[in-house]
Amino acid sequence: MKILYKSELHSFIGNLYLFFNKKGLFHISIDEYCNKWIYKFYPDAFIKPSNNNIFLIQLKEYFSGLRKEFDLPTILLGTKFQKDVWRFVYKIPFGETMSYIEVARNINHKFAQRAVGNALGKNHLLIVVPCHRVIKSNGNWGGFSADIEVKKKLLAFEKEILND
């Protein structure tokens, strides 16, 4: 039986649920109903609570404005294209945005902005892989799997921290 660990973090965007094992963090969700996703990949897992871990510490630092980038072991579960998108988006600096088309061009798929959006919709590491920093080329918000209001709050928070 695989042992997975789960931590909870209360934040201004809602309750976050972190799932990880000894190798790394593989899922962050805002809703409590993410267990279906977890059991899809780990059907025989035993989930054990954990409140003292580097994942929780770094996210608390982020939400307190002390951390602008993450240094965490992560486990990316997706296609090669999705992983390419997530790895590139991970590098978008705190408080900055980039368009879907810019992301597509930077991963050498210059006409794949919709596929980039689909990959970001499947991002299972919210905030750590900052898909909230990707917007439409016309400046509009675009989509966000957690909720567009969460995306707006995260971007406003990051800009506020940079302006202090």
N, C-alpha and C. Protein backbone atom coordinates (compact mmCIF):
# COMPACT_ATOMS: atom_id res chain seq x y z
N MET A 1 0.84 -1.19 0.00
CA MET A 1 0.00 0.00 0.00
C MET A 1 0.88 1.25 0.00
N LYS A 2 0.54 2.20 -0.82
CA LYS A 2 1.26 3.46 -0.88
C LYS A 2 0.74 4.39 0.21
N ILE A 3 1.67 5.09 0.85
CA ILE A 3 1.26 6.08 1.84
C ILE A 3 1.44 7.46 1.23
N LEU A 4 0.36 8.20 1.18
CA LEU A 4 0.37 9.58 0.73
C LEU A 4 0.12 10.46 1.94
N TYR A 5 0.63 11.67 1.87
CA TYR A 5 0.43 12.61 2.96
C TYR A 5 -0.42 13.76 2.46
N LYS A 6 -1.19 14.31 3.38
CA LYS A 6 -2.09 15.42 3.04
C LYS A 6 -1.92 16.51 4.09
N SER A 7 -1.78 17.74 3.61
CA SER A 7 -1.74 18.91 4.49
C SER A 7 -2.82 19.88 4.06
N GLU A 8 -3.28 20.67 5.00
CA GLU A 8 -4.25 21.72 4.72
C GLU A 8 -3.65 23.07 5.04
N LEU A 9 -3.99 24.04 4.23
CA LEU A 9 -3.53 25.41 4.48
C LEU A 9 -4.71 26.35 4.23
N HIS A 10 -5.01 27.16 5.22
CA HIS A 10 -6.07 28.16 5.08
C HIS A 10 -5.43 29.42 4.50
N SER A 11 -6.01 29.94 3.43
CA SER A 11 -5.45 31.11 2.77
C SER A 11 -6.57 32.05 2.34
N PHE A 12 -6.20 33.20 1.82
CA PHE A 12 -7.20 34.18 1.38
C PHE A 12 -7.95 33.73 0.12
N ILE A 13 -7.47 32.67 -0.54
CA ILE A 13 -8.20 32.16 -1.70
C ILE A 13 -9.03 30.93 -1.36
N GLY A 14 -8.97 30.50 -0.11
CA GLY A 14 -9.72 29.32 0.33
C GLY A 14 -8.80 28.31 0.98
N ASN A 15 -9.36 27.17 1.32
CA ASN A 15 -8.57 26.09 1.92
C ASN A 15 -7.85 25.32 0.83
N LEU A 16 -6.54 25.20 0.99
CA LEU A 16 -5.74 24.44 0.04
C LEU A 16 -5.45 23.07 0.63
N TYR A 17 -5.47 22.06 -0.22
CA TYR A 17 -5.16 20.70 0.17
C TYR A 17 -3.96 20.24 -0.64
N LEU A 18 -2.90 19.87 0.06
CA LEU A 18 -1.65 19.46 -0.56
C LEU A 18 -1.50 17.95 -0.40
N PHE A 19 -1.15 17.27 -1.48
CA PHE A 19 -0.91 15.83 -1.45
C PHE A 19 0.51 15.57 -1.92
N PHE A 20 1.22 14.73 -1.18
CA PHE A 20 2.63 14.48 -1.49
C PHE A 20 3.03 13.12 -0.95
N ASN A 21 4.19 12.67 -1.40
CA ASN A 21 4.80 11.48 -0.84
C ASN A 21 6.27 11.79 -0.57
N LYS A 22 7.07 10.79 -0.31
CA LYS A 22 8.48 11.03 0.02
C LYS A 22 9.26 11.59 -1.16
N LYS A 23 8.76 11.39 -2.38
CA LYS A 23 9.47 11.88 -3.57
C LYS A 23 9.13 13.32 -3.91
N GLY A 24 7.92 13.78 -3.54
CA GLY A 24 7.59 15.16 -3.87
C GLY A 24 6.10 15.46 -3.82
N LEU A 25 5.81 16.71 -4.11
CA LEU A 25 4.44 17.24 -4.13
C LEU A 25 3.83 16.93 -5.49
N PHE A 26 2.61 16.41 -5.50
CA PHE A 26 2.00 16.13 -6.80
C PHE A 26 0.59 16.67 -6.97
N HIS A 27 0.01 17.26 -5.93
CA HIS A 27 -1.32 17.83 -6.16
C HIS A 27 -1.63 18.90 -5.11
N ILE A 28 -2.15 20.02 -5.58
CA ILE A 28 -2.68 21.07 -4.72
C ILE A 28 -4.06 21.39 -5.25
N SER A 29 -5.01 21.40 -4.35
CA SER A 29 -6.39 21.69 -4.76
C SER A 29 -7.00 22.69 -3.80
N ILE A 30 -7.91 23.49 -4.31
CA ILE A 30 -8.63 24.43 -3.46
C ILE A 30 -9.86 23.77 -2.87
N ASP A 31 -10.38 22.78 -3.54
CA ASP A 31 -11.58 22.14 -3.00
C ASP A 31 -11.24 20.81 -2.34
N GLU A 32 -12.08 20.42 -1.47
CA GLU A 32 -11.88 19.20 -0.69
C GLU A 32 -12.20 17.94 -1.50
N TYR A 33 -12.79 18.11 -2.66
CA TYR A 33 -13.26 16.98 -3.44
C TYR A 33 -12.22 16.46 -4.42
N CYS A 34 -10.96 16.75 -4.17
CA CYS A 34 -9.91 16.32 -5.08
C CYS A 34 -9.53 14.87 -4.85
N ASN A 35 -10.10 14.20 -3.86
CA ASN A 35 -9.75 12.81 -3.59
C ASN A 35 -9.98 11.92 -4.80
N LYS A 36 -10.98 12.23 -5.63
CA LYS A 36 -11.23 11.43 -6.84
C LYS A 36 -10.00 11.47 -7.74
N TRP A 37 -9.40 12.64 -7.87
CA TRP A 37 -8.19 12.79 -8.69
C TRP A 37 -7.05 11.97 -8.10
N ILE A 38 -6.86 12.06 -6.80
CA ILE A 38 -5.78 11.34 -6.13
C ILE A 38 -5.95 9.84 -6.33
N TYR A 39 -7.14 9.34 -6.11
CA TYR A 39 -7.35 7.90 -6.22
C TYR A 39 -7.31 7.39 -7.66
N LYS A 40 -7.42 8.31 -8.61
CA LYS A 40 -7.25 7.91 -10.01
C LYS A 40 -5.81 7.42 -10.22
N PHE A 41 -4.85 8.12 -9.63
CA PHE A 41 -3.44 7.78 -9.80
C PHE A 41 -2.93 6.84 -8.71
N TYR A 42 -3.53 6.89 -7.55
CA TYR A 42 -3.10 6.07 -6.42
C TYR A 42 -4.32 5.39 -5.81
N PRO A 43 -4.91 4.42 -6.52
CA PRO A 43 -6.17 3.83 -6.05
C PRO A 43 -6.07 3.09 -4.72
N ASP A 44 -4.88 2.60 -4.37
CA ASP A 44 -4.74 1.85 -3.12
C ASP A 44 -4.03 2.65 -2.03
N ALA A 45 -4.04 3.95 -2.17
CA ALA A 45 -3.28 4.80 -1.24
C ALA A 45 -3.97 4.96 0.11
N PHE A 46 -3.14 5.09 1.10
CA PHE A 46 -3.59 5.43 2.45
C PHE A 46 -3.14 6.87 2.68
N ILE A 47 -4.06 7.77 2.95
CA ILE A 47 -3.71 9.19 3.13
C ILE A 47 -3.54 9.49 4.60
N LYS A 48 -2.38 10.02 4.91
CA LYS A 48 -2.00 10.30 6.29
C LYS A 48 -1.83 11.82 6.45
N PRO A 49 -2.43 12.43 7.46
CA PRO A 49 -2.28 13.87 7.67
C PRO A 49 -0.83 14.25 8.01
N SER A 50 -0.42 15.42 7.56
CA SER A 50 0.91 15.93 7.88
C SER A 50 0.84 17.44 7.97
N ASN A 51 1.34 17.99 9.05
CA ASN A 51 1.31 19.45 9.22
C ASN A 51 2.69 20.07 9.35
N ASN A 52 3.73 19.28 9.15
CA ASN A 52 5.09 19.80 9.28
C ASN A 52 5.90 19.32 8.08
N ASN A 53 5.87 20.10 7.01
CA ASN A 53 6.61 19.70 5.81
C ASN A 53 7.01 20.93 5.01
N ILE A 54 7.99 20.75 4.16
CA ILE A 54 8.54 21.85 3.36
C ILE A 54 7.50 22.44 2.41
N PHE A 55 6.56 21.62 1.94
CA PHE A 55 5.55 22.10 1.00
C PHE A 55 4.64 23.12 1.69
N LEU A 56 4.20 22.78 2.87
CA LEU A 56 3.34 23.66 3.66
C LEU A 56 4.10 24.93 4.05
N ILE A 57 5.34 24.77 4.46
CA ILE A 57 6.17 25.91 4.88
C ILE A 57 6.32 26.90 3.73
N GLN A 58 6.68 26.40 2.54
CA GLN A 58 6.90 27.31 1.41
C GLN A 58 5.61 27.98 0.95
N LEU A 59 4.49 27.28 0.99
CA LEU A 59 3.23 27.92 0.62
C LEU A 59 2.83 28.98 1.65
N LYS A 60 3.07 28.72 2.93
CA LYS A 60 2.80 29.74 3.95
C LYS A 60 3.67 30.97 3.71
N GLU A 61 4.93 30.75 3.34
CA GLU A 61 5.83 31.87 3.04
C GLU A 61 5.32 32.66 1.84
N TYR A 62 4.83 31.97 0.83
CA TYR A 62 4.26 32.64 -0.35
C TYR A 62 3.09 33.53 0.07
N PHE A 63 2.16 32.97 0.82
CA PHE A 63 0.97 33.73 1.20
C PHE A 63 1.26 34.85 2.20
N SER A 64 2.40 34.80 2.85
CA SER A 64 2.78 35.90 3.73
C SER A 64 3.62 36.95 2.99
N GLY A 65 3.90 36.70 1.71
CA GLY A 65 4.65 37.64 0.89
C GLY A 65 6.15 37.49 1.01
N LEU A 66 6.63 36.47 1.69
CA LEU A 66 8.06 36.27 1.89
C LEU A 66 8.72 35.44 0.80
N ARG A 67 7.96 34.66 0.08
CA ARG A 67 8.52 33.77 -0.95
C ARG A 67 7.95 34.14 -2.31
N LYS A 68 8.86 34.30 -3.28
CA LYS A 68 8.44 34.65 -4.63
C LYS A 68 8.65 33.53 -5.63
N GLU A 69 9.39 32.52 -5.23
CA GLU A 69 9.56 31.34 -6.08
C GLU A 69 9.70 30.12 -5.18
N PHE A 70 9.39 28.97 -5.74
CA PHE A 70 9.40 27.74 -4.95
C PHE A 70 10.61 26.89 -5.29
N ASP A 71 11.08 26.19 -4.29
CA ASP A 71 12.19 25.26 -4.45
C ASP A 71 11.75 23.94 -3.82
N LEU A 72 10.90 23.23 -4.54
CA LEU A 72 10.28 22.02 -4.00
C LEU A 72 10.44 20.86 -4.96
N PRO A 73 10.60 19.66 -4.43
CA PRO A 73 10.52 18.49 -5.30
C PRO A 73 9.07 18.29 -5.71
N THR A 74 8.84 18.16 -7.00
CA THR A 74 7.47 17.98 -7.49
C THR A 74 7.40 16.75 -8.38
N ILE A 75 6.21 16.23 -8.50
CA ILE A 75 5.95 15.09 -9.38
C ILE A 75 4.91 15.56 -10.39
N LEU A 76 5.31 15.63 -11.65
CA LEU A 76 4.40 16.08 -12.70
C LEU A 76 3.77 14.87 -13.36
N LEU A 77 2.46 14.81 -13.33
CA LEU A 77 1.71 13.71 -13.93
C LEU A 77 0.95 14.23 -15.12
N GLY A 78 1.46 13.97 -16.32
CA GLY A 78 0.81 14.45 -17.52
C GLY A 78 1.57 14.02 -18.76
N THR A 79 1.14 14.52 -19.91
CA THR A 79 1.80 14.21 -21.18
C THR A 79 3.09 15.02 -21.29
N LYS A 80 3.91 14.70 -22.27
CA LYS A 80 5.15 15.45 -22.49
C LYS A 80 4.83 16.92 -22.76
N PHE A 81 3.83 17.18 -23.60
CA PHE A 81 3.45 18.56 -23.91
C PHE A 81 3.01 19.29 -22.64
N GLN A 82 2.14 18.67 -21.84
CA GLN A 82 1.69 19.30 -20.60
C GLN A 82 2.87 19.62 -19.68
N LYS A 83 3.79 18.68 -19.54
CA LYS A 83 4.96 18.89 -18.69
C LYS A 83 5.83 20.03 -19.22
N ASP A 84 5.98 20.12 -20.55
CA ASP A 84 6.74 21.22 -21.16
C ASP A 84 6.09 22.57 -20.81
N VAL A 85 4.77 22.63 -20.92
CA VAL A 85 4.04 23.85 -20.57
C VAL A 85 4.25 24.19 -19.10
N TRP A 86 4.05 23.22 -18.22
CA TRP A 86 4.16 23.46 -16.78
C TRP A 86 5.56 23.87 -16.39
N ARG A 87 6.58 23.23 -16.98
CA ARG A 87 7.97 23.59 -16.66
C ARG A 87 8.28 25.02 -17.09
N PHE A 88 7.75 25.42 -18.25
CA PHE A 88 7.99 26.80 -18.69
C PHE A 88 7.24 27.80 -17.80
N VAL A 89 5.99 27.53 -17.51
CA VAL A 89 5.17 28.44 -16.70
C VAL A 89 5.76 28.58 -15.29
N TYR A 90 6.36 27.52 -14.80
CA TYR A 90 7.01 27.56 -13.48
C TYR A 90 8.03 28.70 -13.39
N LYS A 91 8.62 29.06 -14.53
CA LYS A 91 9.67 30.09 -14.57
C LYS A 91 9.15 31.52 -14.72
N ILE A 92 7.85 31.71 -14.91
CA ILE A 92 7.31 33.06 -15.04
C ILE A 92 7.48 33.75 -13.68
N PRO A 93 8.15 34.89 -13.65
CA PRO A 93 8.44 35.53 -12.37
C PRO A 93 7.19 35.99 -11.61
N PHE A 94 7.31 36.01 -10.31
CA PHE A 94 6.29 36.47 -9.37
C PHE A 94 5.79 37.85 -9.81
N GLY A 95 4.49 38.02 -9.91
CA GLY A 95 3.89 39.31 -10.22
C GLY A 95 3.86 39.65 -11.70
N GLU A 96 4.43 38.82 -12.54
CA GLU A 96 4.43 39.08 -13.98
C GLU A 96 3.43 38.16 -14.67
N THR A 97 3.05 38.54 -15.88
CA THR A 97 2.14 37.70 -16.66
C THR A 97 2.72 37.45 -18.04
N MET A 98 2.20 36.45 -18.67
CA MET A 98 2.60 36.10 -20.02
C MET A 98 1.35 35.57 -20.71
N SER A 99 1.27 35.75 -22.01
CA SER A 99 0.08 35.28 -22.74
C SER A 99 0.23 33.80 -23.13
N TYR A 100 -0.90 33.20 -23.42
CA TYR A 100 -0.92 31.81 -23.86
C TYR A 100 -0.06 31.64 -25.12
N ILE A 101 -0.16 32.60 -26.03
CA ILE A 101 0.62 32.50 -27.27
C ILE A 101 2.12 32.63 -26.99
N GLU A 102 2.50 33.48 -26.03
CA GLU A 102 3.92 33.60 -25.67
C GLU A 102 4.44 32.30 -25.07
N VAL A 103 3.63 31.67 -24.25
CA VAL A 103 4.04 30.37 -23.69
C VAL A 103 4.21 29.37 -24.83
N ALA A 104 3.24 29.30 -25.74
CA ALA A 104 3.32 28.37 -26.87
C ALA A 104 4.59 28.59 -27.69
N ARG A 105 4.89 29.83 -27.98
CA ARG A 105 6.10 30.14 -28.76
C ARG A 105 7.36 29.73 -28.02
N ASN A 106 7.38 29.96 -26.72
CA ASN A 106 8.58 29.66 -25.92
C ASN A 106 8.83 28.16 -25.76
N ILE A 107 7.82 27.34 -25.97
CA ILE A 107 8.05 25.89 -25.92
C ILE A 107 8.07 25.30 -27.33
N ASN A 108 8.25 26.18 -28.33
CA ASN A 108 8.39 25.77 -29.74
C ASN A 108 7.13 25.13 -30.33
N HIS A 109 5.99 25.65 -29.93
CA HIS A 109 4.70 25.25 -30.52
C HIS A 109 3.91 26.53 -30.80
N LYS A 110 4.39 27.31 -31.76
CA LYS A 110 3.92 28.69 -31.92
C LYS A 110 2.44 28.86 -32.19
N PHE A 111 1.73 27.84 -32.63
CA PHE A 111 0.30 27.98 -32.88
C PHE A 111 -0.55 27.17 -31.90
N ALA A 112 0.02 26.83 -30.77
CA ALA A 112 -0.65 25.92 -29.84
C ALA A 112 -1.19 26.61 -28.59
N GLN A 113 -1.63 27.86 -28.73
CA GLN A 113 -2.10 28.58 -27.54
C GLN A 113 -3.31 27.91 -26.88
N ARG A 114 -4.19 27.33 -27.67
CA ARG A 114 -5.34 26.62 -27.07
C ARG A 114 -4.89 25.36 -26.34
N ALA A 115 -3.93 24.68 -26.91
CA ALA A 115 -3.39 23.48 -26.24
C ALA A 115 -2.67 23.87 -24.95
N VAL A 116 -2.02 25.03 -24.96
CA VAL A 116 -1.39 25.54 -23.74
C VAL A 116 -2.47 25.78 -22.69
N GLY A 117 -3.56 26.42 -23.08
CA GLY A 117 -4.67 26.65 -22.15
C GLY A 117 -5.23 25.36 -21.59
N ASN A 118 -5.37 24.35 -22.45
CA ASN A 118 -5.85 23.04 -21.99
C ASN A 118 -4.88 22.40 -21.01
N ALA A 119 -3.59 22.52 -21.29
CA ALA A 119 -2.57 21.96 -20.38
C ALA A 119 -2.63 22.67 -19.03
N LEU A 120 -2.79 23.98 -19.06
CA LEU A 120 -2.85 24.73 -17.80
C LEU A 120 -4.12 24.37 -17.02
N GLY A 121 -5.19 24.05 -17.73
CA GLY A 121 -6.41 23.62 -17.07
C GLY A 121 -6.25 22.30 -16.34
N LYS A 122 -5.22 21.55 -16.69
CA LYS A 122 -4.95 20.26 -16.04
C LYS A 122 -3.78 20.35 -15.06
N ASN A 123 -3.29 21.56 -14.83
CA ASN A 123 -2.20 21.76 -13.87
C ASN A 123 -2.65 21.31 -12.49
N HIS A 124 -1.95 20.39 -11.91
CA HIS A 124 -2.32 19.86 -10.59
C HIS A 124 -1.48 20.45 -9.47
N LEU A 125 -0.68 21.48 -9.78
CA LEU A 125 0.14 22.13 -8.76
C LEU A 125 -0.14 23.63 -8.73
N LEU A 126 -1.39 23.98 -8.45
CA LEU A 126 -1.77 25.39 -8.38
C LEU A 126 -0.78 26.17 -7.52
N ILE A 127 -0.51 27.37 -7.92
CA ILE A 127 0.37 28.32 -7.26
C ILE A 127 1.84 27.95 -7.47
N VAL A 128 2.23 26.71 -7.18
CA VAL A 128 3.63 26.30 -7.38
C VAL A 128 3.98 26.34 -8.86
N VAL A 129 3.12 25.81 -9.71
CA VAL A 129 3.21 26.01 -11.15
C VAL A 129 2.19 27.11 -11.42
N PRO A 130 2.67 28.35 -11.52
CA PRO A 130 1.78 29.53 -11.46
C PRO A 130 0.97 29.79 -12.73
N CYS A 131 0.04 28.90 -13.04
CA CYS A 131 -0.79 29.06 -14.23
C CYS A 131 -1.65 30.31 -14.15
N HIS A 132 -1.82 30.85 -12.94
CA HIS A 132 -2.59 32.09 -12.79
C HIS A 132 -1.88 33.27 -13.46
N ARG A 133 -0.60 33.13 -13.79
CA ARG A 133 0.17 34.21 -14.42
C ARG A 133 0.06 34.21 -15.93
N VAL A 134 -0.74 33.30 -16.49
CA VAL A 134 -0.92 33.23 -17.94
C VAL A 134 -2.29 33.82 -18.28
N ILE A 135 -2.27 34.81 -19.18
CA ILE A 135 -3.48 35.53 -19.56
C ILE A 135 -3.60 35.56 -21.09
N LYS A 136 -4.71 36.09 -21.55
CA LYS A 136 -4.90 36.23 -23.00
C LYS A 136 -3.99 37.34 -23.53
N SER A 137 -3.66 37.27 -24.82
CA SER A 137 -2.78 38.27 -25.42
C SER A 137 -3.42 39.65 -25.47
N ASN A 138 -4.75 39.74 -25.38
CA ASN A 138 -5.42 41.05 -25.37
C ASN A 138 -5.50 41.64 -23.96
N GLY A 139 -4.91 40.95 -22.99
CA GLY A 139 -4.91 41.45 -21.61
C GLY A 139 -6.04 40.92 -20.75
N ASN A 140 -7.01 40.23 -21.36
CA ASN A 140 -8.09 39.64 -20.56
C ASN A 140 -7.57 38.47 -19.75
N TRP A 141 -8.34 38.08 -18.75
CA TRP A 141 -7.89 37.08 -17.78
C TRP A 141 -7.67 35.70 -18.37
N GLY A 142 -8.50 35.29 -19.29
CA GLY A 142 -8.45 33.90 -19.73
C GLY A 142 -9.15 33.04 -18.71
N GLY A 143 -8.94 31.75 -18.77
CA GLY A 143 -9.59 30.84 -17.83
C GLY A 143 -8.72 30.52 -16.63
N PHE A 144 -9.32 29.79 -15.71
CA PHE A 144 -8.58 29.30 -14.54
C PHE A 144 -9.38 28.18 -13.93
N SER A 145 -8.74 27.04 -13.75
CA SER A 145 -9.46 25.85 -13.30
C SER A 145 -10.06 26.01 -11.91
N ALA A 146 -9.41 26.77 -11.05
CA ALA A 146 -9.91 26.91 -9.68
C ALA A 146 -11.07 27.90 -9.60
N ASP A 147 -11.05 28.93 -10.39
CA ASP A 147 -12.10 29.96 -10.47
C ASP A 147 -11.42 31.25 -10.90
N ILE A 148 -12.02 31.97 -11.80
CA ILE A 148 -11.41 33.20 -12.32
C ILE A 148 -11.18 34.21 -11.20
N GLU A 149 -12.04 34.23 -10.19
CA GLU A 149 -11.85 35.17 -9.06
C GLU A 149 -10.58 34.83 -8.28
N VAL A 150 -10.25 33.56 -8.19
CA VAL A 150 -9.01 33.15 -7.52
C VAL A 150 -7.81 33.65 -8.31
N LYS A 151 -7.87 33.54 -9.62
CA LYS A 151 -6.79 34.02 -10.48
C LYS A 151 -6.59 35.53 -10.27
N LYS A 152 -7.67 36.28 -10.25
CA LYS A 152 -7.59 37.73 -10.04
C LYS A 152 -7.00 38.06 -8.67
N LYS A 153 -7.41 37.33 -7.64
CA LYS A 153 -6.90 37.57 -6.29
C LYS A 153 -5.40 37.28 -6.21
N LEU A 154 -4.96 36.19 -6.83
CA LEU A 154 -3.54 35.83 -6.79
C LEU A 154 -2.68 36.88 -7.51
N LEU A 155 -3.13 37.31 -8.68
CA LEU A 155 -2.37 38.32 -9.42
C LEU A 155 -2.35 39.66 -8.68
N ALA A 156 -3.48 40.05 -8.10
CA ALA A 156 -3.53 41.30 -7.33
C ALA A 156 -2.61 41.21 -6.10
N PHE A 157 -2.62 40.07 -5.43
CA PHE A 157 -1.75 39.85 -4.28
C PHE A 157 -0.28 40.00 -4.67
N GLU A 158 0.12 39.36 -5.76
CA GLU A 158 1.52 39.42 -6.19
C GLU A 158 1.93 40.84 -6.57
N LYS A 159 1.07 41.55 -7.27
CA LYS A 159 1.39 42.94 -7.64
C LYS A 159 1.49 43.83 -6.40
N GLU A 160 0.63 43.61 -5.43
CA GLU A 160 0.65 44.37 -4.18
C GLU A 160 1.97 44.13 -3.43
N ILE A 161 2.41 42.90 -3.37
CA ILE A 161 3.66 42.55 -2.68
C ILE A 161 4.83 43.25 -3.40
N LEU A 162 4.83 43.24 -4.72
CA LEU A 162 5.91 43.88 -5.48
C LEU A 162 5.92 45.39 -5.29
N ASN A 163 4.75 45.99 -5.08
CA ASN A 163 4.66 47.44 -4.95
C ASN A 163 4.92 47.94 -3.53
N ASP A 164 4.99 47.03 -2.56
CA ASP A 164 5.27 47.45 -1.16
C ASP A 164 6.72 47.80 -0.95
